[in-house]
Amino acid sequence: MLFRMDERAEAHRQRAADTTDSQPDQNLFARPEDRNLAPLRAAELPTALADAVMGELEPGEQVLWCARPSEARYRPLIILLGVLDGAGMLVFAAVLFVVAPELLSGEPWMIGVLLGIMAPSLVGAAAVPLHVRWLLQRTVYVITDRRALLIRMRLRTRTGSFGPGELKRLRKRRRPDGSGSVIFGINAFSYLDNVDEPYRLLEALAGQADGAERGRK
């Protein structure tokens, strides 16, 4: 994974050099492409997610913080979904147990129809916890010196990019152990082990917009 990340960093560095070849080296922000690797390594990103992050960065943009939803934090949600699915299946089995004798004595073909209708729904419901877990595992949150990124890798990679002006409605939901979510507008960095650091960084980033507004006045 780290080898691929280093390759991506080298390509990104070359892209930055190509766009700034008329400027002296001291203006390249001390090779931020190299410093970008530290937050990515700390987040222990899979290669695909690390490549997605590096591919989204603009020349000279520096990653300040990076994390994925913590499995320890969203595991209760997965368990709850599994329990609800199990309860639904038990209810269906109980209903089938009650009506099956009647259907067998009258119109037995109705059991096949009932199973044919309900089976896909039950299979789909059973897959919901696994699907939610898959979605969260392929999500990464990034804060740079310019913006916040919310990257979701599905069949297609979707990236939400939020500049300082889009972070004004910033708040956090913090549990006593420091975990929780950072919310900005209708978007959120959810299931975090520690909300304080990303909240502080996003607050500082949002302050850039306030400073720019005051400067215009």
N, C-alpha and C. Protein backbone atom coordinates (compact mmCIF):
# COMPACT_ATOMS: atom_id res chain seq x y z
N MET A 1 0.82 -1.20 0.00
CA MET A 1 0.00 0.00 0.00
C MET A 1 0.86 1.26 0.00
N LEU A 2 1.93 1.27 0.86
CA LEU A 2 2.76 2.45 0.97
C LEU A 2 3.51 2.71 -0.31
N PHE A 3 3.89 1.62 -1.02
CA PHE A 3 4.59 1.81 -2.29
C PHE A 3 3.69 2.51 -3.28
N ARG A 4 2.43 2.10 -3.37
CA ARG A 4 1.49 2.74 -4.28
C ARG A 4 1.27 4.19 -3.88
N MET A 5 1.20 4.45 -2.57
CA MET A 5 1.02 5.83 -2.11
C MET A 5 2.21 6.69 -2.50
N ASP A 6 3.42 6.14 -2.39
CA ASP A 6 4.60 6.89 -2.77
C ASP A 6 4.59 7.18 -4.27
N GLU A 7 4.13 6.21 -5.07
CA GLU A 7 4.02 6.44 -6.50
C GLU A 7 3.05 7.57 -6.79
N ARG A 8 1.91 7.56 -6.09
CA ARG A 8 0.90 8.61 -6.28
C ARG A 8 1.47 9.97 -5.86
N ALA A 9 2.23 9.98 -4.77
CA ALA A 9 2.82 11.24 -4.32
C ALA A 9 3.80 11.78 -5.34
N GLU A 10 4.59 10.87 -5.95
CA GLU A 10 5.55 11.31 -6.96
C GLU A 10 4.83 11.89 -8.18
N ALA A 11 3.74 11.26 -8.60
CA ALA A 11 2.97 11.78 -9.73
C ALA A 11 2.36 13.13 -9.39
N HIS A 12 1.86 13.24 -8.15
CA HIS A 12 1.25 14.51 -7.74
C HIS A 12 2.30 15.60 -7.65
N ARG A 13 3.50 15.25 -7.18
CA ARG A 13 4.59 16.22 -7.09
C ARG A 13 4.98 16.71 -8.48
N GLN A 14 5.00 15.79 -9.44
CA GLN A 14 5.36 16.18 -10.80
C GLN A 14 4.31 17.11 -11.39
N ARG A 15 3.02 16.80 -11.08
CA ARG A 15 1.95 17.66 -11.56
C ARG A 15 2.08 19.06 -10.98
N ALA A 16 2.41 19.15 -9.69
CA ALA A 16 2.59 20.45 -9.05
C ALA A 16 3.77 21.20 -9.67
N ALA A 17 4.84 20.44 -9.96
CA ALA A 17 6.02 21.07 -10.56
C ALA A 17 5.70 21.60 -11.95
N ASP A 18 4.90 20.84 -12.71
CA ASP A 18 4.56 21.27 -14.07
C ASP A 18 3.75 22.56 -14.06
N THR A 19 2.91 22.72 -13.03
CA THR A 19 2.05 23.91 -12.99
C THR A 19 2.74 25.11 -12.36
N THR A 20 3.91 24.88 -11.75
CA THR A 20 4.60 25.99 -11.07
C THR A 20 6.05 26.11 -11.52
N ASP A 21 6.34 25.61 -12.74
CA ASP A 21 7.74 25.59 -13.16
C ASP A 21 8.33 26.98 -13.37
N SER A 22 7.48 27.99 -13.39
CA SER A 22 7.99 29.35 -13.56
C SER A 22 8.24 30.03 -12.22
N GLN A 23 7.97 29.32 -11.10
CA GLN A 23 8.13 29.91 -9.78
C GLN A 23 9.34 29.30 -9.09
N PRO A 24 9.97 30.03 -8.20
CA PRO A 24 11.11 29.48 -7.46
C PRO A 24 10.67 28.36 -6.53
N ASP A 25 11.62 27.50 -6.19
CA ASP A 25 11.32 26.28 -5.42
C ASP A 25 10.74 26.58 -4.05
N GLN A 26 11.11 27.70 -3.43
CA GLN A 26 10.61 27.98 -2.09
C GLN A 26 9.11 28.25 -2.08
N ASN A 27 8.49 28.47 -3.24
CA ASN A 27 7.05 28.71 -3.30
C ASN A 27 6.24 27.42 -3.42
N LEU A 28 6.90 26.29 -3.40
CA LEU A 28 6.20 25.01 -3.56
C LEU A 28 5.69 24.46 -2.24
N PHE A 29 5.65 25.32 -1.21
CA PHE A 29 5.09 24.94 0.09
C PHE A 29 5.82 23.76 0.72
N ALA A 30 7.14 23.73 0.54
CA ALA A 30 7.99 22.72 1.17
C ALA A 30 7.53 21.30 0.85
N ARG A 31 7.27 21.04 -0.41
CA ARG A 31 6.87 19.72 -0.90
C ARG A 31 5.74 19.13 -0.07
N PRO A 32 4.54 19.72 -0.09
CA PRO A 32 3.42 19.20 0.69
C PRO A 32 3.00 17.81 0.26
N GLU A 33 3.33 17.40 -0.98
CA GLU A 33 2.96 16.06 -1.41
C GLU A 33 3.59 15.00 -0.51
N ASP A 34 4.83 15.27 -0.05
CA ASP A 34 5.49 14.34 0.86
C ASP A 34 4.80 14.35 2.22
N ARG A 35 4.48 15.55 2.71
CA ARG A 35 3.84 15.65 4.02
C ARG A 35 2.42 15.08 3.99
N ASN A 36 1.79 15.06 2.83
CA ASN A 36 0.45 14.49 2.72
C ASN A 36 0.42 13.01 3.06
N LEU A 37 1.55 12.32 2.90
CA LEU A 37 1.56 10.89 3.14
C LEU A 37 1.40 10.55 4.62
N ALA A 38 1.86 11.42 5.51
CA ALA A 38 1.80 11.12 6.94
C ALA A 38 0.36 10.94 7.44
N PRO A 39 -0.57 11.88 7.15
CA PRO A 39 -1.95 11.67 7.59
C PRO A 39 -2.60 10.45 6.95
N LEU A 40 -2.24 10.17 5.70
CA LEU A 40 -2.82 9.01 5.02
C LEU A 40 -2.33 7.71 5.64
N ARG A 41 -1.04 7.67 5.97
CA ARG A 41 -0.51 6.48 6.63
C ARG A 41 -1.12 6.32 8.03
N ALA A 42 -1.27 7.44 8.74
CA ALA A 42 -1.84 7.37 10.09
C ALA A 42 -3.27 6.85 10.05
N ALA A 43 -4.00 7.17 8.99
CA ALA A 43 -5.38 6.71 8.85
C ALA A 43 -5.46 5.26 8.40
N GLU A 44 -4.31 4.67 8.02
CA GLU A 44 -4.25 3.27 7.57
C GLU A 44 -5.25 3.01 6.44
N LEU A 45 -5.21 3.88 5.44
CA LEU A 45 -6.14 3.75 4.33
C LEU A 45 -5.75 2.59 3.42
N PRO A 46 -6.74 1.85 2.92
CA PRO A 46 -6.45 0.90 1.85
C PRO A 46 -5.92 1.63 0.63
N THR A 47 -5.22 0.92 -0.24
CA THR A 47 -4.60 1.54 -1.40
C THR A 47 -5.60 2.32 -2.24
N ALA A 48 -6.77 1.74 -2.48
CA ALA A 48 -7.77 2.39 -3.34
C ALA A 48 -8.21 3.73 -2.76
N LEU A 49 -8.44 3.77 -1.45
CA LEU A 49 -8.86 5.03 -0.83
C LEU A 49 -7.73 6.05 -0.81
N ALA A 50 -6.51 5.58 -0.53
CA ALA A 50 -5.36 6.50 -0.54
C ALA A 50 -5.17 7.10 -1.93
N ASP A 51 -5.31 6.27 -2.97
CA ASP A 51 -5.20 6.78 -4.34
C ASP A 51 -6.30 7.79 -4.64
N ALA A 52 -7.52 7.51 -4.13
CA ALA A 52 -8.64 8.43 -4.37
C ALA A 52 -8.37 9.79 -3.73
N VAL A 53 -7.81 9.78 -2.51
CA VAL A 53 -7.50 11.04 -1.83
C VAL A 53 -6.43 11.81 -2.60
N MET A 54 -5.33 11.14 -2.94
CA MET A 54 -4.25 11.82 -3.64
C MET A 54 -4.70 12.35 -4.99
N GLY A 55 -5.62 11.61 -5.63
CA GLY A 55 -6.12 12.06 -6.91
C GLY A 55 -7.01 13.28 -6.83
N GLU A 56 -7.58 13.55 -5.67
CA GLU A 56 -8.46 14.71 -5.50
C GLU A 56 -7.71 15.98 -5.16
N LEU A 57 -6.48 15.86 -4.68
CA LEU A 57 -5.75 17.03 -4.20
C LEU A 57 -5.30 17.93 -5.34
N GLU A 58 -5.37 19.21 -5.09
CA GLU A 58 -4.86 20.19 -6.04
C GLU A 58 -3.37 20.40 -5.81
N PRO A 59 -2.65 20.87 -6.81
CA PRO A 59 -1.22 21.14 -6.61
C PRO A 59 -0.98 22.07 -5.43
N GLY A 60 -0.08 21.67 -4.54
CA GLY A 60 0.26 22.48 -3.38
C GLY A 60 -0.67 22.31 -2.20
N GLU A 61 -1.76 21.57 -2.36
CA GLU A 61 -2.73 21.40 -1.26
C GLU A 61 -2.18 20.43 -0.23
N GLN A 62 -2.31 20.78 1.04
CA GLN A 62 -1.73 19.98 2.12
C GLN A 62 -2.83 19.31 2.95
N VAL A 63 -2.69 18.00 3.16
CA VAL A 63 -3.61 17.26 4.02
C VAL A 63 -3.23 17.50 5.48
N LEU A 64 -4.19 17.98 6.25
CA LEU A 64 -3.96 18.22 7.68
C LEU A 64 -4.48 17.08 8.54
N TRP A 65 -5.53 16.42 8.08
CA TRP A 65 -6.17 15.36 8.88
C TRP A 65 -6.91 14.43 7.94
N CYS A 66 -6.94 13.15 8.30
CA CYS A 66 -7.61 12.16 7.47
C CYS A 66 -8.07 11.01 8.36
N ALA A 67 -9.28 10.52 8.12
CA ALA A 67 -9.79 9.39 8.92
C ALA A 67 -10.92 8.71 8.17
N ARG A 68 -11.19 7.49 8.58
CA ARG A 68 -12.35 6.75 8.10
C ARG A 68 -13.34 6.58 9.25
N PRO A 69 -14.61 6.30 8.96
CA PRO A 69 -15.54 5.97 10.05
C PRO A 69 -14.98 4.80 10.86
N SER A 70 -15.02 4.92 12.17
CA SER A 70 -14.47 3.90 13.06
C SER A 70 -15.45 2.73 13.16
N GLU A 71 -14.95 1.54 12.85
CA GLU A 71 -15.82 0.35 12.92
C GLU A 71 -16.33 0.13 14.34
N ALA A 72 -15.52 0.46 15.33
CA ALA A 72 -15.96 0.29 16.72
C ALA A 72 -17.16 1.19 17.02
N ARG A 73 -17.26 2.32 16.30
CA ARG A 73 -18.35 3.27 16.56
C ARG A 73 -19.62 2.91 15.80
N TYR A 74 -19.47 2.37 14.58
CA TYR A 74 -20.69 2.04 13.84
C TYR A 74 -21.13 0.59 14.01
N ARG A 75 -20.34 -0.21 14.76
CA ARG A 75 -20.73 -1.61 14.97
C ARG A 75 -22.10 -1.75 15.64
N PRO A 76 -22.45 -0.90 16.64
CA PRO A 76 -23.80 -1.01 17.21
C PRO A 76 -24.91 -0.83 16.18
N LEU A 77 -24.69 0.05 15.20
CA LEU A 77 -25.69 0.23 14.14
C LEU A 77 -25.84 -1.05 13.33
N ILE A 78 -24.73 -1.69 12.99
CA ILE A 78 -24.78 -2.93 12.22
C ILE A 78 -25.49 -4.02 13.01
N ILE A 79 -25.19 -4.08 14.31
CA ILE A 79 -25.84 -5.09 15.15
C ILE A 79 -27.34 -4.83 15.24
N LEU A 80 -27.72 -3.55 15.40
CA LEU A 80 -29.13 -3.20 15.47
C LEU A 80 -29.86 -3.59 14.19
N LEU A 81 -29.25 -3.30 13.05
CA LEU A 81 -29.87 -3.67 11.78
C LEU A 81 -30.01 -5.18 11.66
N GLY A 82 -29.00 -5.90 12.14
CA GLY A 82 -29.07 -7.36 12.11
C GLY A 82 -30.18 -7.90 13.00
N VAL A 83 -30.34 -7.29 14.19
CA VAL A 83 -31.40 -7.72 15.11
C VAL A 83 -32.78 -7.45 14.49
N LEU A 84 -32.94 -6.27 13.89
CA LEU A 84 -34.22 -5.94 13.25
C LEU A 84 -34.53 -6.90 12.11
N ASP A 85 -33.49 -7.23 11.33
CA ASP A 85 -33.69 -8.19 10.25
C ASP A 85 -34.11 -9.55 10.80
N GLY A 86 -33.43 -9.98 11.86
CA GLY A 86 -33.77 -11.26 12.46
C GLY A 86 -35.19 -11.28 12.99
N ALA A 87 -35.60 -10.17 13.62
CA ALA A 87 -36.96 -10.09 14.14
C ALA A 87 -37.99 -10.16 13.02
N GLY A 88 -37.70 -9.49 11.91
CA GLY A 88 -38.60 -9.53 10.77
C GLY A 88 -38.75 -10.92 10.20
N MET A 89 -37.64 -11.64 10.15
CA MET A 89 -37.70 -13.02 9.64
C MET A 89 -38.49 -13.92 10.57
N LEU A 90 -38.34 -13.71 11.89
CA LEU A 90 -39.10 -14.51 12.85
C LEU A 90 -40.59 -14.25 12.71
N VAL A 91 -40.95 -12.97 12.52
CA VAL A 91 -42.37 -12.64 12.33
C VAL A 91 -42.91 -13.32 11.07
N PHE A 92 -42.15 -13.27 9.99
CA PHE A 92 -42.58 -13.92 8.75
C PHE A 92 -42.73 -15.42 8.94
N ALA A 93 -41.75 -16.02 9.64
CA ALA A 93 -41.83 -17.47 9.88
C ALA A 93 -43.05 -17.82 10.71
N ALA A 94 -43.36 -16.98 11.71
CA ALA A 94 -44.52 -17.25 12.56
C ALA A 94 -45.82 -17.15 11.76
N VAL A 95 -45.92 -16.14 10.91
CA VAL A 95 -47.11 -15.97 10.07
C VAL A 95 -47.25 -17.16 9.13
N LEU A 96 -46.14 -17.57 8.54
CA LEU A 96 -46.18 -18.70 7.62
C LEU A 96 -46.58 -19.97 8.35
N PHE A 97 -46.11 -20.14 9.58
CA PHE A 97 -46.45 -21.33 10.37
C PHE A 97 -47.95 -21.38 10.67
N VAL A 98 -48.53 -20.20 10.89
CA VAL A 98 -49.95 -20.14 11.21
C VAL A 98 -50.82 -20.40 9.98
N VAL A 99 -50.44 -19.80 8.85
CA VAL A 99 -51.31 -19.91 7.67
C VAL A 99 -51.01 -21.12 6.81
N ALA A 100 -49.83 -21.74 6.97
CA ALA A 100 -49.45 -22.86 6.11
C ALA A 100 -50.45 -24.02 6.16
N PRO A 101 -50.90 -24.47 7.34
CA PRO A 101 -51.85 -25.60 7.35
C PRO A 101 -53.11 -25.30 6.55
N GLU A 102 -53.60 -24.06 6.67
CA GLU A 102 -54.82 -23.69 5.94
C GLU A 102 -54.58 -23.71 4.44
N LEU A 103 -53.43 -23.16 4.04
CA LEU A 103 -53.12 -23.12 2.62
C LEU A 103 -52.90 -24.51 2.06
N LEU A 104 -52.27 -25.38 2.83
CA LEU A 104 -52.01 -26.74 2.37
C LEU A 104 -53.31 -27.52 2.18
N SER A 105 -54.27 -27.27 3.04
CA SER A 105 -55.54 -27.98 2.94
C SER A 105 -56.43 -27.41 1.84
N GLY A 106 -56.25 -26.13 1.52
CA GLY A 106 -57.10 -25.50 0.52
C GLY A 106 -56.38 -25.26 -0.80
N GLU A 107 -55.47 -24.33 -0.81
CA GLU A 107 -54.77 -23.97 -2.04
C GLU A 107 -53.26 -23.98 -1.77
N PRO A 108 -52.62 -25.15 -1.82
CA PRO A 108 -51.19 -25.27 -1.47
C PRO A 108 -50.28 -24.46 -2.37
N TRP A 109 -50.72 -24.17 -3.60
CA TRP A 109 -49.87 -23.39 -4.50
C TRP A 109 -49.62 -21.97 -3.98
N MET A 110 -50.51 -21.52 -3.06
CA MET A 110 -50.36 -20.19 -2.52
C MET A 110 -49.10 -20.06 -1.67
N ILE A 111 -48.64 -21.17 -1.08
CA ILE A 111 -47.40 -21.13 -0.29
C ILE A 111 -46.22 -20.77 -1.19
N GLY A 112 -46.19 -21.38 -2.36
CA GLY A 112 -45.13 -21.06 -3.31
C GLY A 112 -45.16 -19.61 -3.75
N VAL A 113 -46.38 -19.10 -3.99
CA VAL A 113 -46.52 -17.70 -4.37
C VAL A 113 -46.04 -16.79 -3.24
N LEU A 114 -46.45 -17.12 -2.01
CA LEU A 114 -46.07 -16.31 -0.86
C LEU A 114 -44.55 -16.30 -0.66
N LEU A 115 -43.95 -17.48 -0.78
CA LEU A 115 -42.50 -17.55 -0.64
C LEU A 115 -41.79 -16.80 -1.77
N GLY A 116 -42.35 -16.91 -2.97
CA GLY A 116 -41.75 -16.22 -4.10
C GLY A 116 -41.78 -14.71 -3.96
N ILE A 117 -42.83 -14.22 -3.30
CA ILE A 117 -42.94 -12.78 -3.09
C ILE A 117 -42.04 -12.31 -1.96
N MET A 118 -42.01 -13.10 -0.89
CA MET A 118 -41.31 -12.65 0.32
C MET A 118 -39.81 -12.95 0.31
N ALA A 119 -39.39 -14.01 -0.38
CA ALA A 119 -37.99 -14.42 -0.32
C ALA A 119 -37.03 -13.31 -0.76
N PRO A 120 -37.27 -12.64 -1.91
CA PRO A 120 -36.34 -11.56 -2.29
C PRO A 120 -36.28 -10.44 -1.26
N SER A 121 -37.44 -10.13 -0.65
CA SER A 121 -37.45 -9.07 0.37
C SER A 121 -36.63 -9.48 1.57
N LEU A 122 -36.75 -10.75 1.97
CA LEU A 122 -36.00 -11.23 3.13
C LEU A 122 -34.50 -11.24 2.85
N VAL A 123 -34.14 -11.67 1.65
CA VAL A 123 -32.71 -11.69 1.28
C VAL A 123 -32.16 -10.26 1.26
N GLY A 124 -32.94 -9.33 0.69
CA GLY A 124 -32.52 -7.94 0.65
C GLY A 124 -32.36 -7.35 2.04
N ALA A 125 -33.32 -7.67 2.92
CA ALA A 125 -33.25 -7.16 4.29
C ALA A 125 -32.03 -7.73 5.01
N ALA A 126 -31.75 -9.00 4.77
CA ALA A 126 -30.59 -9.63 5.42
C ALA A 126 -29.28 -9.01 4.96
N ALA A 127 -29.27 -8.48 3.74
CA ALA A 127 -28.04 -7.90 3.19
C ALA A 127 -27.81 -6.46 3.64
N VAL A 128 -28.82 -5.83 4.23
CA VAL A 128 -28.70 -4.41 4.61
C VAL A 128 -27.52 -4.16 5.56
N PRO A 129 -27.36 -4.92 6.66
CA PRO A 129 -26.22 -4.65 7.55
C PRO A 129 -24.88 -4.78 6.83
N LEU A 130 -24.74 -5.78 5.97
CA LEU A 130 -23.49 -5.96 5.24
C LEU A 130 -23.26 -4.81 4.26
N HIS A 131 -24.34 -4.35 3.64
CA HIS A 131 -24.20 -3.25 2.68
C HIS A 131 -23.81 -1.95 3.39
N VAL A 132 -24.43 -1.68 4.53
CA VAL A 132 -24.08 -0.46 5.28
C VAL A 132 -22.62 -0.52 5.72
N ARG A 133 -22.18 -1.66 6.19
CA ARG A 133 -20.78 -1.81 6.60
C ARG A 133 -19.85 -1.60 5.40
N TRP A 134 -20.21 -2.13 4.25
CA TRP A 134 -19.40 -1.98 3.04
C TRP A 134 -19.30 -0.51 2.65
N LEU A 135 -20.42 0.21 2.74
CA LEU A 135 -20.41 1.63 2.40
C LEU A 135 -19.50 2.43 3.32
N LEU A 136 -19.59 2.16 4.63
CA LEU A 136 -18.79 2.92 5.59
C LEU A 136 -17.31 2.59 5.46
N GLN A 137 -16.99 1.36 5.12
CA GLN A 137 -15.58 0.99 4.94
C GLN A 137 -14.96 1.67 3.74
N ARG A 138 -15.77 2.11 2.82
CA ARG A 138 -15.28 2.75 1.60
C ARG A 138 -15.52 4.26 1.62
N THR A 139 -15.53 4.81 2.82
CA THR A 139 -15.71 6.25 3.01
C THR A 139 -14.48 6.81 3.72
N VAL A 140 -14.05 7.99 3.31
CA VAL A 140 -12.89 8.62 3.97
C VAL A 140 -13.17 10.12 4.09
N TYR A 141 -12.75 10.67 5.23
CA TYR A 141 -12.90 12.10 5.51
C TYR A 141 -11.51 12.74 5.47
N VAL A 142 -11.44 13.90 4.83
CA VAL A 142 -10.15 14.59 4.70
C VAL A 142 -10.34 16.08 4.98
N ILE A 143 -9.40 16.65 5.72
CA ILE A 143 -9.34 18.10 5.90
C ILE A 143 -7.98 18.57 5.39
N THR A 144 -8.01 19.52 4.48
CA THR A 144 -6.76 20.09 3.96
C THR A 144 -6.66 21.55 4.41
N ASP A 145 -5.62 22.21 3.96
CA ASP A 145 -5.46 23.62 4.30
C ASP A 145 -6.40 24.51 3.48
N ARG A 146 -7.21 23.90 2.59
CA ARG A 146 -8.11 24.68 1.74
C ARG A 146 -9.58 24.30 1.88
N ARG A 147 -9.87 23.06 2.26
CA ARG A 147 -11.25 22.59 2.21
C ARG A 147 -11.40 21.28 2.97
N ALA A 148 -12.65 20.84 3.09
CA ALA A 148 -12.97 19.52 3.63
C ALA A 148 -13.43 18.64 2.48
N LEU A 149 -13.01 17.38 2.51
CA LEU A 149 -13.38 16.42 1.48
C LEU A 149 -14.11 15.24 2.10
N LEU A 150 -15.19 14.84 1.50
CA LEU A 150 -15.95 13.65 1.90
C LEU A 150 -15.97 12.73 0.68
N ILE A 151 -15.15 11.68 0.73
CA ILE A 151 -14.97 10.80 -0.42
C ILE A 151 -15.66 9.47 -0.16
N ARG A 152 -16.52 9.08 -1.07
CA ARG A 152 -17.23 7.81 -0.97
C ARG A 152 -16.93 6.98 -2.22
N MET A 153 -16.33 5.82 -2.03
CA MET A 153 -16.04 4.94 -3.15
C MET A 153 -17.14 3.89 -3.26
N ARG A 154 -17.98 4.03 -4.26
CA ARG A 154 -19.02 3.04 -4.54
C ARG A 154 -18.66 2.39 -5.87
N LEU A 155 -19.63 2.16 -6.72
CA LEU A 155 -19.30 1.74 -8.08
C LEU A 155 -18.56 2.87 -8.79
N ARG A 156 -18.92 4.10 -8.42
CA ARG A 156 -18.18 5.28 -8.87
C ARG A 156 -17.77 6.08 -7.64
N THR A 157 -16.59 6.70 -7.70
CA THR A 157 -16.13 7.52 -6.58
C THR A 157 -16.86 8.86 -6.60
N ARG A 158 -17.44 9.21 -5.47
CA ARG A 158 -18.13 10.49 -5.34
C ARG A 158 -17.45 11.31 -4.26
N THR A 159 -17.15 12.54 -4.59
CA THR A 159 -16.42 13.42 -3.67
C THR A 159 -17.21 14.68 -3.41
N GLY A 160 -17.41 14.97 -2.13
CA GLY A 160 -17.97 16.25 -1.73
C GLY A 160 -16.84 17.16 -1.29
N SER A 161 -16.77 18.35 -1.87
CA SER A 161 -15.72 19.31 -1.55
C SER A 161 -16.36 20.55 -0.94
N PHE A 162 -15.88 20.94 0.26
CA PHE A 162 -16.50 22.02 1.01
C PHE A 162 -15.44 23.04 1.40
N GLY A 163 -15.53 24.21 0.79
CA GLY A 163 -14.60 25.29 1.11
C GLY A 163 -14.99 26.01 2.38
N PRO A 164 -14.18 26.98 2.81
CA PRO A 164 -14.44 27.69 4.07
C PRO A 164 -15.85 28.28 4.14
N GLY A 165 -16.35 28.81 3.03
CA GLY A 165 -17.67 29.42 3.05
C GLY A 165 -18.81 28.45 3.23
N GLU A 166 -18.54 27.15 3.05
CA GLU A 166 -19.57 26.12 3.19
C GLU A 166 -19.53 25.43 4.55
N LEU A 167 -18.72 25.95 5.46
CA LEU A 167 -18.55 25.33 6.77
C LEU A 167 -19.08 26.20 7.90
N LYS A 168 -19.96 27.15 7.58
CA LYS A 168 -20.41 28.08 8.60
C LYS A 168 -21.33 27.42 9.63
N ARG A 169 -22.20 26.53 9.19
CA ARG A 169 -23.12 25.86 10.11
C ARG A 169 -22.43 24.63 10.69
N LEU A 170 -21.40 24.90 11.46
CA LEU A 170 -20.54 23.84 11.99
C LEU A 170 -20.90 23.53 13.44
N ARG A 171 -21.08 22.26 13.72
CA ARG A 171 -21.34 21.83 15.10
C ARG A 171 -20.84 20.40 15.27
N LYS A 172 -20.76 19.99 16.52
CA LYS A 172 -20.31 18.62 16.77
C LYS A 172 -21.21 17.95 17.79
N ARG A 173 -21.33 16.66 17.64
CA ARG A 173 -22.00 15.81 18.62
C ARG A 173 -20.93 14.95 19.28
N ARG A 174 -20.66 15.27 20.53
CA ARG A 174 -19.54 14.65 21.23
C ARG A 174 -20.03 13.83 22.41
N ARG A 175 -19.59 12.58 22.46
CA ARG A 175 -19.89 11.72 23.61
C ARG A 175 -18.84 11.94 24.69
N PRO A 176 -19.11 11.47 25.89
CA PRO A 176 -18.13 11.67 26.98
C PRO A 176 -16.74 11.13 26.69
N ASP A 177 -16.66 10.08 25.85
CA ASP A 177 -15.34 9.51 25.55
C ASP A 177 -14.64 10.24 24.41
N GLY A 178 -15.25 11.32 23.89
CA GLY A 178 -14.63 12.11 22.83
C GLY A 178 -15.03 11.70 21.42
N SER A 179 -15.73 10.59 21.28
CA SER A 179 -16.17 10.15 19.96
C SER A 179 -17.41 10.91 19.54
N GLY A 180 -17.79 10.75 18.27
CA GLY A 180 -19.00 11.41 17.81
C GLY A 180 -18.91 11.82 16.36
N SER A 181 -19.58 12.91 16.02
CA SER A 181 -19.66 13.38 14.64
C SER A 181 -19.44 14.89 14.58
N VAL A 182 -18.89 15.34 13.46
CA VAL A 182 -18.79 16.76 13.17
C VAL A 182 -19.74 17.04 12.01
N ILE A 183 -20.64 17.99 12.20
CA ILE A 183 -21.71 18.24 11.23
C ILE A 183 -21.55 19.63 10.65
N PHE A 184 -21.67 19.72 9.34
CA PHE A 184 -21.66 21.02 8.66
C PHE A 184 -22.74 20.99 7.59
N GLY A 185 -23.78 21.79 7.84
CA GLY A 185 -24.93 21.77 6.94
C GLY A 185 -25.64 20.44 7.00
N ILE A 186 -25.84 19.82 5.83
CA ILE A 186 -26.48 18.50 5.78
C ILE A 186 -25.45 17.39 5.67
N ASN A 187 -24.19 17.73 5.79
CA ASN A 187 -23.12 16.74 5.68
C ASN A 187 -22.46 16.53 7.05
N ALA A 188 -21.74 15.43 7.18
CA ALA A 188 -21.13 15.13 8.47
C ALA A 188 -19.95 14.18 8.30
N PHE A 189 -18.98 14.33 9.19
CA PHE A 189 -17.95 13.33 9.40
C PHE A 189 -18.44 12.50 10.59
N SER A 190 -18.93 11.31 10.33
CA SER A 190 -19.63 10.52 11.36
C SER A 190 -18.78 9.34 11.85
N TYR A 191 -19.15 8.85 13.03
CA TYR A 191 -18.52 7.67 13.64
C TYR A 191 -17.02 7.86 13.82
N LEU A 192 -16.65 9.00 14.40
CA LEU A 192 -15.25 9.31 14.65
C LEU A 192 -14.86 8.90 16.06
N ASP A 193 -13.62 8.43 16.21
CA ASP A 193 -13.12 8.12 17.56
C ASP A 193 -12.86 9.39 18.36
N ASN A 194 -12.48 10.45 17.67
CA ASN A 194 -12.17 11.72 18.34
C ASN A 194 -12.68 12.87 17.48
N VAL A 195 -13.65 13.61 17.95
CA VAL A 195 -14.22 14.71 17.15
C VAL A 195 -13.50 16.04 17.38
N ASP A 196 -12.70 16.13 18.43
CA ASP A 196 -12.12 17.43 18.79
C ASP A 196 -11.16 17.96 17.74
N GLU A 197 -10.25 17.10 17.25
CA GLU A 197 -9.26 17.57 16.28
C GLU A 197 -9.91 17.99 14.97
N PRO A 198 -10.75 17.16 14.34
CA PRO A 198 -11.37 17.64 13.09
C PRO A 198 -12.26 18.87 13.29
N TYR A 199 -12.93 18.95 14.43
CA TYR A 199 -13.77 20.12 14.68
C TYR A 199 -12.90 21.38 14.77
N ARG A 200 -11.76 21.29 15.46
CA ARG A 200 -10.87 22.45 15.59
C ARG A 200 -10.35 22.87 14.21
N LEU A 201 -9.97 21.91 13.38
CA LEU A 201 -9.45 22.23 12.06
C LEU A 201 -10.53 22.83 11.16
N LEU A 202 -11.73 22.26 11.22
CA LEU A 202 -12.82 22.79 10.41
C LEU A 202 -13.24 24.19 10.88
N GLU A 203 -13.19 24.39 12.19
CA GLU A 203 -13.53 25.71 12.73
C GLU A 203 -12.54 26.75 12.24
N ALA A 204 -11.26 26.38 12.23
CA ALA A 204 -10.23 27.30 11.74
C ALA A 204 -10.41 27.56 10.24
N LEU A 205 -10.77 26.51 9.51
CA LEU A 205 -10.99 26.66 8.07
C LEU A 205 -12.18 27.57 7.81
N ALA A 206 -13.26 27.38 8.57
CA ALA A 206 -14.44 28.24 8.41
C ALA A 206 -14.10 29.69 8.75
N GLY A 207 -13.18 29.88 9.69
CA GLY A 207 -12.78 31.23 10.06
C GLY A 207 -12.11 31.99 8.93
N GLN A 208 -11.55 31.25 7.96
CA GLN A 208 -10.94 31.92 6.81
C GLN A 208 -11.99 32.68 6.01
N ALA A 209 -13.20 32.10 5.92
CA ALA A 209 -14.28 32.78 5.20
C ALA A 209 -14.71 34.04 5.94
N ASP A 210 -14.78 33.96 7.28
CA ASP A 210 -15.15 35.14 8.07
C ASP A 210 -14.12 36.25 7.90
N GLY A 211 -12.83 35.85 7.89
CA GLY A 211 -11.78 36.84 7.73
C GLY A 211 -11.84 37.50 6.35
N ALA A 212 -12.17 36.70 5.34
CA ALA A 212 -12.27 37.25 3.99
C ALA A 212 -13.44 38.23 3.90
N GLU A 213 -14.55 37.91 4.55
CA GLU A 213 -15.70 38.81 4.54
C GLU A 213 -15.39 40.13 5.23
N ARG A 214 -14.69 40.05 6.38
CA ARG A 214 -14.33 41.27 7.10
C ARG A 214 -13.37 42.11 6.25
N GLY A 215 -12.49 41.41 5.51
CA GLY A 215 -11.54 42.13 4.67
C GLY A 215 -12.24 42.88 3.55
N ARG A 216 -13.31 42.33 3.01
CA ARG A 216 -14.03 43.00 1.94
C ARG A 216 -14.79 44.22 2.44
N LYS A 217 -15.21 44.15 3.72
CA LYS A 217 -15.94 45.28 4.30
C LYS A 217 -14.99 46.43 4.62
